[in-house]
Protein backbone atom coordinates (compact mmCIF):
# COMPACT_ATOMS: atom_id res chain seq x y z
CA UNK A 1 -0.06 -0.20 0.03
CA UNK A 2 1.11 3.45 -0.64
CA UNK A 3 1.91 6.04 2.18
CA UNK A 4 -1.61 7.96 2.10
CA UNK A 5 -3.69 4.83 1.19
CA UNK A 6 -2.03 3.01 4.29
CA UNK A 7 -2.27 5.57 6.86
CA UNK A 8 -6.02 5.84 5.69
CA UNK A 9 -6.38 2.15 6.58
CA UNK A 10 -4.58 2.30 9.77
CA UNK A 11 -6.77 5.05 11.04
CA UNK A 12 -9.86 3.36 10.13
CA UNK A 13 -8.48 0.36 12.21
CA UNK A 14 -7.45 2.59 14.69
CA UNK A 15 -10.70 4.38 15.46
CA UNK A 16 -12.88 1.04 15.10
CA UNK A 17 -10.33 -0.43 18.04
CA UNK A 18 -11.10 3.00 20.01
CA UNK A 19 -14.76 2.72 19.21
CA UNK A 20 -14.70 -0.52 20.51
CA UNK A 21 -12.75 -0.15 23.55
CA UNK A 22 -14.24 3.39 24.61
CA UNK A 23 -18.03 3.68 22.89
CA UNK A 24 -18.45 6.83 25.14
CA UNK A 25 -14.96 8.40 23.32
CA UNK A 26 -13.64 9.10 26.59
CA UNK A 27 -9.87 7.67 26.53
CA UNK A 28 -6.31 8.73 27.65
CA UNK A 29 -3.32 8.97 26.03
CA UNK A 30 -2.29 5.72 27.23
CA UNK A 31 -5.34 3.84 26.01
CA UNK A 32 -4.42 5.48 22.49
CA UNK A 33 -1.18 3.96 22.82
CA UNK A 34 -2.32 0.78 23.39
CA UNK A 35 -4.91 0.85 20.62
CA UNK A 36 -2.23 2.17 18.26
CA UNK A 37 -0.24 -1.04 19.30
CA UNK A 38 -2.94 -3.33 18.91
CA UNK A 39 -3.53 -2.05 15.38
CA UNK A 40 0.15 -2.57 14.49
CA UNK A 41 0.55 -5.87 16.31
CA UNK A 42 3.48 -4.87 18.58
CA UNK A 43 3.81 -4.42 21.92
CA UNK A 44 3.12 -0.80 23.39
CA UNK A 45 6.78 -0.66 24.60
CA UNK A 46 8.28 -0.95 21.25
CA UNK A 47 6.43 2.20 19.85
CA UNK A 48 5.54 4.24 23.13
CA UNK A 49 8.70 6.28 22.96
CA UNK A 50 8.31 7.48 19.35
CA UNK A 51 5.88 10.75 18.25
CA UNK A 52 2.37 10.08 18.19
CA UNK A 53 1.87 12.44 15.41
CA UNK A 54 3.55 9.40 13.41
CA UNK A 55 0.48 7.35 13.99
CA UNK A 56 -2.58 9.40 13.93
């Protein structure tokens, strides 16, 4: 997949995970990192030190 297409697909998956885990829309930054890790199939400790803007 090309860059913009990949990010669009990942974002959709990220938002789906967040909606499933936090249907009220109330989540913390830690929750967001957990969801990003879930979408990317990695442990959160592998990505949490990176810039959040890379993922959203």
